[in-house]
Amino acid sequence: MRFAVGTQDYRSIATHGGRTRRFLVFEAESGSDPVEVERIELAEDEVLHLAGDGRPHPIDAVRVVITGSSGEGFINHMKRRGIEPVTTLETDPVQAIRDWFAGTVRTAPPPEHPHEHHDHGHHDHDLGDAPQERHGAPA
């Protein structure tokens, strides 16, 4: 199964999923270590905060996206793409994937201070506490 982990430096998990431009992509299965298979660097107009739901996106090939604190708009956007959004307090990408499989993700709270948003054709930017659902590993 494929995971994308948002990062600013390709080493630690980024704190704002919707603004993240760099993603580590891992193949992972329960009981084995995640293996990095790709790195994605998005153009400025491809960041998930700005990308509309109607066009293909490089992140579409993953099943789970893991980031630090992210608002409700980002979470809903991922769900509409069929991607499970996970926010975590963990900073290590591999450990975050292990935590997902173990069901022990320490969920990051939404951002405390909403930031200014510009209308880019979608209106679901409200920041709030969206419940995290862990779907678990496939049977």
N, C-alpha and C. Protein backbone atom coordinates (compact mmCIF):
# COMPACT_ATOMS: atom_id res chain seq x y z
N MET A 1 0.85 -1.15 0.00
CA MET A 1 0.00 0.00 0.00
C MET A 1 0.90 1.23 0.00
N ARG A 2 0.46 2.27 -0.67
CA ARG A 2 1.27 3.50 -0.78
C ARG A 2 0.83 4.56 0.22
N PHE A 3 1.85 5.18 0.82
CA PHE A 3 1.69 6.29 1.75
C PHE A 3 2.47 7.48 1.21
N ALA A 4 1.93 8.67 1.36
CA ALA A 4 2.68 9.90 1.10
C ALA A 4 2.80 10.62 2.42
N VAL A 5 4.02 11.05 2.73
CA VAL A 5 4.27 11.76 3.98
C VAL A 5 4.77 13.16 3.62
N GLY A 6 4.02 14.18 4.05
CA GLY A 6 4.39 15.56 3.77
C GLY A 6 5.60 15.96 4.58
N THR A 7 6.56 16.61 3.92
CA THR A 7 7.79 17.01 4.58
C THR A 7 8.30 18.32 3.99
N GLN A 8 8.99 19.09 4.78
CA GLN A 8 9.62 20.32 4.27
C GLN A 8 11.04 20.03 3.79
N ASP A 9 11.67 19.01 4.35
CA ASP A 9 13.09 18.77 4.12
C ASP A 9 13.43 17.33 3.73
N TYR A 10 12.43 16.53 3.42
CA TYR A 10 12.59 15.11 3.10
C TYR A 10 13.15 14.31 4.28
N ARG A 11 13.06 14.88 5.50
CA ARG A 11 13.51 14.15 6.69
C ARG A 11 12.46 14.10 7.78
N SER A 12 11.74 15.21 8.01
CA SER A 12 10.77 15.24 9.10
C SER A 12 9.41 15.69 8.57
N ILE A 13 8.37 15.29 9.27
CA ILE A 13 7.00 15.55 8.82
C ILE A 13 6.67 17.04 8.92
N ALA A 14 6.10 17.57 7.85
CA ALA A 14 5.70 18.98 7.77
C ALA A 14 4.48 19.23 8.64
N THR A 15 4.35 20.45 9.12
CA THR A 15 3.26 20.77 10.02
C THR A 15 2.02 21.32 9.33
N HIS A 16 2.06 21.60 8.06
CA HIS A 16 0.88 22.15 7.37
C HIS A 16 0.69 21.40 6.07
N GLY A 17 -0.15 20.38 6.10
CA GLY A 17 -0.35 19.51 4.95
C GLY A 17 -0.78 20.21 3.69
N GLY A 18 -1.66 21.19 3.80
CA GLY A 18 -2.17 21.88 2.63
C GLY A 18 -1.16 22.75 1.92
N ARG A 19 -0.10 23.14 2.60
CA ARG A 19 0.93 24.00 2.01
C ARG A 19 2.21 23.26 1.66
N THR A 20 2.28 21.99 2.01
CA THR A 20 3.48 21.19 1.80
C THR A 20 3.73 20.95 0.32
N ARG A 21 4.99 21.12 -0.09
CA ARG A 21 5.35 20.90 -1.50
C ARG A 21 6.14 19.62 -1.71
N ARG A 22 6.68 19.05 -0.64
CA ARG A 22 7.51 17.85 -0.77
C ARG A 22 6.87 16.68 -0.03
N PHE A 23 6.82 15.56 -0.70
CA PHE A 23 6.26 14.35 -0.13
C PHE A 23 7.21 13.17 -0.36
N LEU A 24 7.40 12.40 0.68
CA LEU A 24 8.07 11.11 0.55
C LEU A 24 6.98 10.08 0.30
N VAL A 25 7.18 9.21 -0.66
CA VAL A 25 6.19 8.17 -0.96
C VAL A 25 6.81 6.84 -0.56
N PHE A 26 6.05 6.07 0.21
CA PHE A 26 6.50 4.78 0.73
C PHE A 26 5.56 3.68 0.29
N GLU A 27 6.12 2.50 0.06
CA GLU A 27 5.36 1.26 -0.04
C GLU A 27 5.49 0.61 1.33
N ALA A 28 4.38 0.18 1.89
CA ALA A 28 4.44 -0.41 3.22
C ALA A 28 3.33 -1.43 3.40
N GLU A 29 3.63 -2.45 4.16
CA GLU A 29 2.67 -3.47 4.55
C GLU A 29 2.85 -3.72 6.04
N SER A 30 1.82 -4.15 6.69
CA SER A 30 1.89 -4.45 8.11
C SER A 30 2.97 -5.49 8.38
N GLY A 31 3.78 -5.24 9.39
CA GLY A 31 4.81 -6.20 9.79
C GLY A 31 6.14 -6.05 9.09
N SER A 32 6.25 -5.12 8.13
CA SER A 32 7.53 -4.91 7.47
C SER A 32 7.84 -3.41 7.45
N ASP A 33 9.12 -3.08 7.33
CA ASP A 33 9.52 -1.68 7.33
C ASP A 33 9.08 -0.99 6.04
N PRO A 34 8.56 0.25 6.15
CA PRO A 34 8.22 1.02 4.96
C PRO A 34 9.47 1.26 4.10
N VAL A 35 9.27 1.25 2.79
CA VAL A 35 10.37 1.47 1.85
C VAL A 35 10.04 2.71 1.02
N GLU A 36 10.95 3.68 1.05
CA GLU A 36 10.76 4.88 0.23
C GLU A 36 10.90 4.50 -1.24
N VAL A 37 9.90 4.88 -2.05
CA VAL A 37 9.92 4.53 -3.47
C VAL A 37 9.91 5.74 -4.39
N GLU A 38 9.63 6.90 -3.84
CA GLU A 38 9.52 8.08 -4.70
C GLU A 38 9.55 9.33 -3.83
N ARG A 39 9.92 10.44 -4.46
CA ARG A 39 9.81 11.75 -3.84
C ARG A 39 9.02 12.62 -4.80
N ILE A 40 8.06 13.35 -4.25
CA ILE A 40 7.25 14.25 -5.07
C ILE A 40 7.55 15.67 -4.63
N GLU A 41 7.86 16.53 -5.58
CA GLU A 41 7.99 17.96 -5.30
C GLU A 41 6.95 18.68 -6.16
N LEU A 42 6.00 19.28 -5.50
CA LEU A 42 4.90 19.94 -6.19
C LEU A 42 5.28 21.35 -6.60
N ALA A 43 4.75 21.78 -7.74
CA ALA A 43 4.86 23.17 -8.14
C ALA A 43 3.98 24.00 -7.19
N GLU A 44 4.23 25.29 -7.12
CA GLU A 44 3.47 26.14 -6.21
C GLU A 44 1.97 26.03 -6.43
N ASP A 45 1.53 25.92 -7.69
CA ASP A 45 0.09 25.85 -7.95
C ASP A 45 -0.47 24.43 -7.76
N GLU A 46 0.38 23.47 -7.39
CA GLU A 46 -0.08 22.11 -7.14
C GLU A 46 -0.23 21.79 -5.66
N VAL A 47 0.17 22.72 -4.76
CA VAL A 47 0.02 22.41 -3.34
C VAL A 47 -1.44 22.06 -3.09
N LEU A 48 -1.65 21.16 -2.17
CA LEU A 48 -2.99 20.61 -1.97
C LEU A 48 -4.00 21.64 -1.48
N HIS A 49 -3.53 22.71 -0.89
CA HIS A 49 -4.41 23.80 -0.47
C HIS A 49 -5.04 24.49 -1.67
N LEU A 50 -4.32 24.52 -2.79
CA LEU A 50 -4.79 25.23 -3.97
C LEU A 50 -5.36 24.32 -5.06
N ALA A 51 -4.95 23.07 -5.07
CA ALA A 51 -5.37 22.15 -6.14
C ALA A 51 -6.85 21.83 -6.01
N GLY A 52 -7.57 22.01 -7.08
CA GLY A 52 -8.99 21.68 -7.07
C GLY A 52 -9.21 20.18 -7.12
N ASP A 53 -10.41 19.77 -6.78
CA ASP A 53 -10.72 18.34 -6.76
C ASP A 53 -10.89 17.76 -8.16
N GLY A 54 -11.14 18.59 -9.16
CA GLY A 54 -11.50 18.09 -10.47
C GLY A 54 -10.36 17.71 -11.38
N ARG A 55 -9.13 17.98 -11.01
CA ARG A 55 -8.02 17.66 -11.92
C ARG A 55 -7.11 16.61 -11.29
N PRO A 56 -6.47 15.79 -12.11
CA PRO A 56 -5.54 14.79 -11.59
C PRO A 56 -4.40 15.47 -10.82
N HIS A 57 -3.85 14.74 -9.86
CA HIS A 57 -2.80 15.30 -9.02
C HIS A 57 -1.78 14.21 -8.72
N PRO A 58 -0.49 14.55 -8.59
CA PRO A 58 0.54 13.54 -8.30
C PRO A 58 0.28 12.73 -7.03
N ILE A 59 -0.46 13.26 -6.08
CA ILE A 59 -0.72 12.58 -4.82
C ILE A 59 -1.79 11.49 -4.97
N ASP A 60 -2.50 11.48 -6.09
CA ASP A 60 -3.63 10.57 -6.27
C ASP A 60 -3.27 9.09 -6.21
N ALA A 61 -2.01 8.75 -6.39
CA ALA A 61 -1.61 7.33 -6.43
C ALA A 61 -1.44 6.71 -5.04
N VAL A 62 -1.65 7.50 -3.98
CA VAL A 62 -1.45 6.95 -2.64
C VAL A 62 -2.79 6.65 -1.98
N ARG A 63 -2.75 5.80 -0.95
CA ARG A 63 -3.97 5.48 -0.21
C ARG A 63 -4.09 6.32 1.06
N VAL A 64 -2.93 6.67 1.66
CA VAL A 64 -2.91 7.41 2.91
C VAL A 64 -1.92 8.56 2.76
N VAL A 65 -2.30 9.76 3.23
CA VAL A 65 -1.37 10.88 3.29
C VAL A 65 -1.23 11.27 4.76
N ILE A 66 0.02 11.41 5.19
CA ILE A 66 0.32 11.73 6.59
C ILE A 66 1.00 13.09 6.63
N THR A 67 0.47 13.98 7.48
CA THR A 67 1.06 15.29 7.68
C THR A 67 0.98 15.65 9.16
N GLY A 68 1.56 16.79 9.49
CA GLY A 68 1.37 17.33 10.83
C GLY A 68 0.00 17.99 10.87
N SER A 69 -0.14 18.99 11.66
CA SER A 69 -1.42 19.68 11.83
C SER A 69 -1.96 20.15 10.49
N SER A 70 -3.23 19.86 10.25
CA SER A 70 -3.89 20.27 9.01
C SER A 70 -5.34 20.62 9.32
N GLY A 71 -5.85 21.57 8.58
CA GLY A 71 -7.22 22.00 8.80
C GLY A 71 -8.26 21.10 8.15
N GLU A 72 -9.49 21.40 8.46
CA GLU A 72 -10.62 20.62 7.96
C GLU A 72 -10.69 20.63 6.43
N GLY A 73 -10.34 21.76 5.81
CA GLY A 73 -10.37 21.84 4.35
C GLY A 73 -9.44 20.82 3.71
N PHE A 74 -8.23 20.70 4.22
CA PHE A 74 -7.26 19.72 3.71
C PHE A 74 -7.79 18.31 3.91
N ILE A 75 -8.29 18.04 5.10
CA ILE A 75 -8.81 16.71 5.43
C ILE A 75 -9.96 16.34 4.49
N ASN A 76 -10.89 17.25 4.29
CA ASN A 76 -12.02 16.98 3.40
C ASN A 76 -11.57 16.81 1.95
N HIS A 77 -10.61 17.61 1.53
CA HIS A 77 -10.09 17.53 0.17
C HIS A 77 -9.49 16.14 -0.08
N MET A 78 -8.72 15.63 0.87
CA MET A 78 -8.13 14.30 0.72
C MET A 78 -9.21 13.23 0.66
N LYS A 79 -10.20 13.32 1.52
CA LYS A 79 -11.29 12.34 1.51
C LYS A 79 -12.03 12.33 0.18
N ARG A 80 -12.26 13.51 -0.40
CA ARG A 80 -12.93 13.56 -1.71
C ARG A 80 -12.09 12.90 -2.80
N ARG A 81 -10.78 12.89 -2.64
CA ARG A 81 -9.89 12.23 -3.59
C ARG A 81 -9.76 10.73 -3.31
N GLY A 82 -10.40 10.26 -2.24
CA GLY A 82 -10.32 8.85 -1.89
C GLY A 82 -9.04 8.49 -1.14
N ILE A 83 -8.42 9.48 -0.52
CA ILE A 83 -7.18 9.30 0.22
C ILE A 83 -7.47 9.50 1.70
N GLU A 84 -7.00 8.59 2.54
CA GLU A 84 -7.20 8.73 3.98
C GLU A 84 -6.21 9.76 4.52
N PRO A 85 -6.70 10.88 5.08
CA PRO A 85 -5.80 11.87 5.67
C PRO A 85 -5.49 11.51 7.12
N VAL A 86 -4.22 11.62 7.50
CA VAL A 86 -3.80 11.35 8.86
C VAL A 86 -2.93 12.52 9.31
N THR A 87 -3.27 13.10 10.46
CA THR A 87 -2.40 14.11 11.04
C THR A 87 -1.73 13.49 12.26
N THR A 88 -0.48 13.85 12.47
CA THR A 88 0.27 13.23 13.55
C THR A 88 1.20 14.22 14.22
N LEU A 89 1.48 13.95 15.49
CA LEU A 89 2.50 14.70 16.23
C LEU A 89 3.89 14.11 15.98
N GLU A 90 3.94 12.91 15.42
CA GLU A 90 5.21 12.25 15.12
C GLU A 90 5.96 13.07 14.08
N THR A 91 7.28 13.13 14.18
CA THR A 91 8.07 13.86 13.19
C THR A 91 8.82 12.94 12.23
N ASP A 92 8.97 11.66 12.59
CA ASP A 92 9.69 10.71 11.75
C ASP A 92 8.72 10.02 10.79
N PRO A 93 8.93 10.15 9.48
CA PRO A 93 8.00 9.56 8.51
C PRO A 93 7.82 8.05 8.66
N VAL A 94 8.89 7.30 8.82
CA VAL A 94 8.79 5.84 8.93
C VAL A 94 8.03 5.46 10.19
N GLN A 95 8.32 6.13 11.30
CA GLN A 95 7.62 5.82 12.55
C GLN A 95 6.13 6.15 12.42
N ALA A 96 5.79 7.22 11.72
CA ALA A 96 4.38 7.57 11.54
C ALA A 96 3.62 6.47 10.80
N ILE A 97 4.26 5.87 9.80
CA ILE A 97 3.62 4.76 9.07
C ILE A 97 3.49 3.54 9.98
N ARG A 98 4.54 3.24 10.74
CA ARG A 98 4.45 2.13 11.71
C ARG A 98 3.30 2.37 12.68
N ASP A 99 3.17 3.62 13.17
CA ASP A 99 2.09 3.96 14.10
C ASP A 99 0.73 3.74 13.45
N TRP A 100 0.60 4.07 12.17
CA TRP A 100 -0.67 3.88 11.47
C TRP A 100 -1.07 2.41 11.48
N PHE A 101 -0.11 1.56 11.14
CA PHE A 101 -0.40 0.13 11.13
C PHE A 101 -0.74 -0.38 12.53
N ALA A 102 -0.07 0.16 13.55
CA ALA A 102 -0.29 -0.29 14.92
C ALA A 102 -1.54 0.32 15.54
N GLY A 103 -2.12 1.34 14.88
CA GLY A 103 -3.29 2.02 15.45
C GLY A 103 -2.93 2.93 16.60
N THR A 104 -1.70 3.44 16.62
CA THR A 104 -1.23 4.27 17.73
C THR A 104 -0.84 5.68 17.31
N VAL A 105 -1.41 6.19 16.24
CA VAL A 105 -1.09 7.54 15.77
C VAL A 105 -1.48 8.55 16.83
N ARG A 106 -0.52 9.40 17.19
CA ARG A 106 -0.80 10.52 18.09
C ARG A 106 -1.29 11.68 17.21
N THR A 107 -2.58 11.85 17.15
CA THR A 107 -3.21 12.79 16.24
C THR A 107 -2.84 14.23 16.58
N ALA A 108 -2.44 14.97 15.56
CA ALA A 108 -2.13 16.39 15.73
C ALA A 108 -3.42 17.19 15.78
N PRO A 109 -3.48 18.20 16.65
CA PRO A 109 -4.66 19.06 16.67
C PRO A 109 -4.67 19.96 15.44
N PRO A 110 -5.82 20.52 15.10
CA PRO A 110 -5.86 21.46 13.98
C PRO A 110 -5.08 22.71 14.35
N PRO A 111 -4.70 23.52 13.36
CA PRO A 111 -3.96 24.75 13.65
C PRO A 111 -4.72 25.61 14.65
N GLU A 112 -3.99 26.22 15.59
CA GLU A 112 -4.62 27.07 16.60
C GLU A 112 -5.05 28.41 16.03
N HIS A 113 -4.27 28.93 15.11
CA HIS A 113 -4.55 30.25 14.57
C HIS A 113 -4.86 30.15 13.09
N PRO A 114 -6.15 30.26 12.73
CA PRO A 114 -6.47 30.22 11.29
C PRO A 114 -5.69 31.31 10.57
N HIS A 115 -5.22 30.97 9.40
CA HIS A 115 -4.48 31.94 8.60
C HIS A 115 -5.36 32.42 7.45
N GLU A 116 -4.92 33.49 6.83
CA GLU A 116 -5.70 34.08 5.75
C GLU A 116 -5.77 33.13 4.57
N HIS A 117 -6.96 32.99 4.04
CA HIS A 117 -7.18 32.15 2.86
C HIS A 117 -7.71 33.03 1.74
N HIS A 118 -7.27 32.73 0.56
CA HIS A 118 -7.79 33.40 -0.62
C HIS A 118 -8.70 32.43 -1.34
N ASP A 119 -9.74 32.91 -1.94
CA ASP A 119 -10.68 32.04 -2.63
C ASP A 119 -10.06 31.55 -3.93
N HIS A 120 -9.90 30.26 -4.02
CA HIS A 120 -9.33 29.64 -5.22
C HIS A 120 -10.33 28.69 -5.86
N GLY A 121 -11.61 29.01 -5.71
CA GLY A 121 -12.62 28.21 -6.37
C GLY A 121 -13.18 27.09 -5.52
N HIS A 122 -12.75 26.99 -4.27
CA HIS A 122 -13.35 26.01 -3.38
C HIS A 122 -13.52 26.67 -2.03
N HIS A 123 -14.51 26.25 -1.30
CA HIS A 123 -14.92 26.99 -0.12
C HIS A 123 -14.91 26.16 1.15
N ASP A 124 -14.09 25.15 1.26
CA ASP A 124 -14.11 24.30 2.44
C ASP A 124 -12.87 24.53 3.31
N HIS A 125 -12.46 25.76 3.45
CA HIS A 125 -11.24 26.07 4.18
C HIS A 125 -11.43 26.30 5.66
N ASP A 126 -12.62 26.05 6.18
CA ASP A 126 -12.80 26.24 7.60
C ASP A 126 -11.83 25.33 8.34
N LEU A 127 -11.18 25.91 9.33
CA LEU A 127 -10.28 25.12 10.15
C LEU A 127 -11.06 24.63 11.35
N GLY A 128 -10.89 23.39 11.67
CA GLY A 128 -11.61 22.85 12.81
C GLY A 128 -11.12 21.47 13.13
N ASP A 129 -11.66 20.90 14.15
CA ASP A 129 -11.24 19.59 14.59
C ASP A 129 -12.03 18.53 13.86
N ALA A 130 -11.42 17.93 12.86
CA ALA A 130 -12.08 16.86 12.11
C ALA A 130 -11.68 15.54 12.74
N PRO A 131 -12.64 14.68 12.99
CA PRO A 131 -12.29 13.40 13.61
C PRO A 131 -11.42 12.57 12.67
N GLN A 132 -10.47 11.87 13.25
CA GLN A 132 -9.60 10.99 12.49
C GLN A 132 -10.18 9.60 12.54
N GLU A 133 -10.36 9.00 11.41
CA GLU A 133 -10.81 7.62 11.37
C GLU A 133 -9.64 6.79 10.89
N ARG A 134 -9.34 5.75 11.63
CA ARG A 134 -8.29 4.85 11.19
C ARG A 134 -8.96 3.63 10.60
N HIS A 135 -8.70 3.44 9.34
CA HIS A 135 -9.35 2.33 8.64
C HIS A 135 -8.57 1.04 8.81
N GLY A 136 -7.33 1.15 9.22
CA GLY A 136 -6.54 -0.05 9.49
C GLY A 136 -6.01 -0.69 8.23
N ALA A 137 -5.19 -1.65 8.45
CA ALA A 137 -4.59 -2.38 7.34
C ALA A 137 -5.63 -3.27 6.70
N PRO A 138 -5.52 -3.49 5.40
CA PRO A 138 -6.47 -4.37 4.74
C PRO A 138 -6.34 -5.79 5.25
N ALA A 139 -7.44 -6.49 5.24
CA ALA A 139 -7.44 -7.88 5.75
C ALA A 139 -6.81 -8.81 4.76
